[in-house]
Amino acid sequence: MANRYPLDKPATKAKAISYILEGLSDAEVAAALSDKRISVTRQAVHAFRKRHADELAPAVAEVERQITDYAIAQKVNRIAGLQALADRVHSG
C-alpha cells in the first residue's frame, strides 16, 4: 500500500522538520522540498505541521531555548566588555 502522506517518507520527513525548525514558512518549506520528482504544496506542509505537532513542539522549544541562551550570553559578554572598558578608563 502506498504511503498516504508522501511528506512522511523518512528522508522527506527529516528535511521537512529541519526546514520547519529553521523557521521557514509553509510556502518556503514547500518550495524547498519540491523538485522534478515531487511537487509539495503549502497546504501539504500545513497538514504535516498539524499531524506532527506533538513531535515538533519539543524540538521547537529546544531551538527557542538555545536562541534565548545565546542572546543572554551575548548580552553578558557585551556588559563584561563594557565593564572592562569602564574599569580601564577609571584606573588610567
C-alpha atoms as a PDB file:
ATOM      1  CA  MET A   1       0.000   0.000   0.000  1.00  0.00           C
ATOM      2  CA  ALA A   2       1.355   3.414  -0.963  1.00  0.00           C
ATOM      3  CA  ASN A   3       2.194   5.941   1.703  1.00  0.00           C
ATOM      4  CA  ARG A   4      -0.813   8.200   2.133  1.00  0.00           C
ATOM      5  CA  TYR A   5       1.396  11.124   3.143  1.00  0.00           C
ATOM      6  CA  PRO A   6       4.457  11.498   0.881  1.00  0.00           C
ATOM      7  CA  LEU A   7       5.958  14.033   3.306  1.00  0.00           C
ATOM      8  CA  ASP A   8       6.106  11.254   5.899  1.00  0.00           C
ATOM      9  CA  LYS A   9       8.696   9.259   3.943  1.00  0.00           C
ATOM     10  CA  PRO A  10      11.763   9.175   6.229  1.00  0.00           C
ATOM     11  CA  ALA A  11      14.146  11.295   4.117  1.00  0.00           C
ATOM     12  CA  THR A  12      11.484  13.834   3.171  1.00  0.00           C
ATOM     13  CA  LYS A  13      10.153  13.987   6.730  1.00  0.00           C
ATOM     14  CA  ALA A  14      13.624  14.734   8.093  1.00  0.00           C
ATOM     15  CA  LYS A  15      14.107  17.531   5.557  1.00  0.00           C
ATOM     16  CA  ALA A  16      10.652  18.981   6.276  1.00  0.00           C
ATOM     17  CA  ILE A  17      11.292  19.006  10.027  1.00  0.00           C
ATOM     18  CA  SER A  18      14.692  20.643   9.587  1.00  0.00           C
ATOM     19  CA  TYR A  19      13.213  23.379   7.374  1.00  0.00           C
ATOM     20  CA  ILE A  20      10.396  23.958   9.867  1.00  0.00           C
ATOM     21  CA  LEU A  21      12.898  24.221  12.733  1.00  0.00           C
ATOM     22  CA  GLU A  22      14.872  26.750  10.679  1.00  0.00           C
ATOM     23  CA  GLY A  23      11.742  28.914  10.781  1.00  0.00           C
ATOM     24  CA  LEU A  24      10.700  28.639   7.140  1.00  0.00           C
ATOM     25  CA  SER A  25       7.069  29.334   6.305  1.00  0.00           C
ATOM     26  CA  ASP A  26       4.841  26.611   4.865  1.00  0.00           C
ATOM     27  CA  ALA A  27       5.304  28.071   1.365  1.00  0.00           C
ATOM     28  CA  GLU A  28       9.093  28.196   1.795  1.00  0.00           C
ATOM     29  CA  VAL A  29       9.194  24.599   3.047  1.00  0.00           C
ATOM     30  CA  ALA A  30       7.052  23.508   0.093  1.00  0.00           C
ATOM     31  CA  ALA A  31       9.370  25.261  -2.364  1.00  0.00           C
ATOM     32  CA  ALA A  32      12.472  23.772  -0.713  1.00  0.00           C
ATOM     33  CA  LEU A  33      11.051  20.239  -0.846  1.00  0.00           C
ATOM     34  CA  SER A  34       9.671  20.424  -4.382  1.00  0.00           C
ATOM     35  CA  ASP A  35      11.785  19.084  -7.216  1.00  0.00           C
ATOM     36  CA  LYS A  36      11.334  17.242 -10.527  1.00  0.00           C
ATOM     37  CA  ARG A  37      10.026  14.119  -8.795  1.00  0.00           C
ATOM     38  CA  ILE A  38       7.764  15.636  -6.142  1.00  0.00           C
ATOM     39  CA  SER A  39       5.597  18.711  -6.000  1.00  0.00           C
ATOM     40  CA  VAL A  40       4.809  19.859  -2.465  1.00  0.00           C
ATOM     41  CA  THR A  41       2.092  22.401  -1.708  1.00  0.00           C
ATOM     42  CA  ARG A  42       1.850  24.896   1.123  1.00  0.00           C
ATOM     43  CA  GLN A  43      -1.323  23.093   2.224  1.00  0.00           C
ATOM     44  CA  ALA A  44       0.534  19.763   2.430  1.00  0.00           C
ATOM     45  CA  VAL A  45       3.187  21.342   4.655  1.00  0.00           C
ATOM     46  CA  HIS A  46       0.484  22.898   6.844  1.00  0.00           C
ATOM     47  CA  ALA A  47      -1.177  19.486   7.235  1.00  0.00           C
ATOM     48  CA  PHE A  48       2.248  17.962   8.025  1.00  0.00           C
ATOM     49  CA  ARG A  49       2.775  20.552  10.778  1.00  0.00           C
ATOM     50  CA  LYS A  50      -0.626  19.710  12.273  1.00  0.00           C
ATOM     51  CA  ARG A  51      -0.072  15.931  12.053  1.00  0.00           C
ATOM     52  CA  HIS A  52       3.337  16.182  13.717  1.00  0.00           C
ATOM     53  CA  ALA A  53       2.631  18.988  16.193  1.00  0.00           C
ATOM     54  CA  ASP A  54       3.372  16.730  19.187  1.00  0.00           C
ATOM     55  CA  GLU A  55       6.710  15.720  17.665  1.00  0.00           C
ATOM     56  CA  LEU A  56       7.659  19.264  16.601  1.00  0.00           C
ATOM     57  CA  ALA A  57       6.756  21.048  19.853  1.00  0.00           C
ATOM     58  CA  PRO A  58       9.705  19.769  21.957  1.00  0.00           C
ATOM     59  CA  ALA A  59      12.160  20.456  19.124  1.00  0.00           C
ATOM     60  CA  VAL A  60      10.818  23.982  18.625  1.00  0.00           C
ATOM     61  CA  ALA A  61      11.007  24.597  22.378  1.00  0.00           C
ATOM     62  CA  GLU A  62      14.645  23.434  22.407  1.00  0.00           C
ATOM     63  CA  VAL A  63      15.550  25.717  19.495  1.00  0.00           C
ATOM     64  CA  GLU A  64      13.847  28.639  21.255  1.00  0.00           C
ATOM     65  CA  ARG A  65      15.745  27.822  24.476  1.00  0.00           C
ATOM     66  CA  GLN A  66      19.056  27.748  22.629  1.00  0.00           C
ATOM     67  CA  ILE A  67      18.315  31.084  20.951  1.00  0.00           C
ATOM     68  CA  THR A  68      17.433  32.621  24.324  1.00  0.00           C
ATOM     69  CA  ASP A  69      20.590  31.200  25.931  1.00  0.00           C
ATOM     70  CA  TYR A  70      22.692  32.605  23.085  1.00  0.00           C
ATOM     71  CA  ALA A  71      21.073  36.043  23.385  1.00  0.00           C
ATOM     72  CA  ILE A  72      21.682  36.074  27.148  1.00  0.00           C
ATOM     73  CA  ALA A  73      25.314  35.019  26.668  1.00  0.00           C
ATOM     74  CA  GLN A  74      25.826  37.787  24.096  1.00  0.00           C
ATOM     75  CA  LYS A  75      24.347  40.360  26.483  1.00  0.00           C
ATOM     76  CA  VAL A  76      26.543  39.133  29.361  1.00  0.00           C
ATOM     77  CA  ASN A  77      29.650  39.304  27.158  1.00  0.00           C
ATOM     78  CA  ARG A  78      28.737  42.811  25.992  1.00  0.00           C
ATOM     79  CA  ILE A  79      28.228  44.009  29.569  1.00  0.00           C
ATOM     80  CA  ALA A  80      31.520  42.416  30.659  1.00  0.00           C
ATOM     81  CA  GLY A  81      33.325  44.130  27.803  1.00  0.00           C
ATOM     82  CA  LEU A  82      31.809  47.484  28.682  1.00  0.00           C
ATOM     83  CA  GLN A  83      32.677  46.986  32.358  1.00  0.00           C
ATOM     84  CA  ALA A  84      36.299  46.199  31.452  1.00  0.00           C
ATOM     85  CA  LEU A  85      36.434  49.358  29.333  1.00  0.00           C
ATOM     86  CA  ALA A  86      34.956  51.408  32.177  1.00  0.00           C
ATOM     87  CA  ASP A  87      37.487  49.939  34.616  1.00  0.00           C
ATOM     88  CA  ARG A  88      40.369  50.879  32.300  1.00  0.00           C
ATOM     89  CA  VAL A  89      39.022  54.426  31.881  1.00  0.00           C
ATOM     90  CA  HIS A  90      38.657  54.930  35.653  1.00  0.00           C
ATOM     91  CA  SER A  91      42.041  53.434  36.527  1.00  0.00           C
ATOM     92  CA  GLY A  92      44.089  55.174  33.903  1.00  0.00           C
END
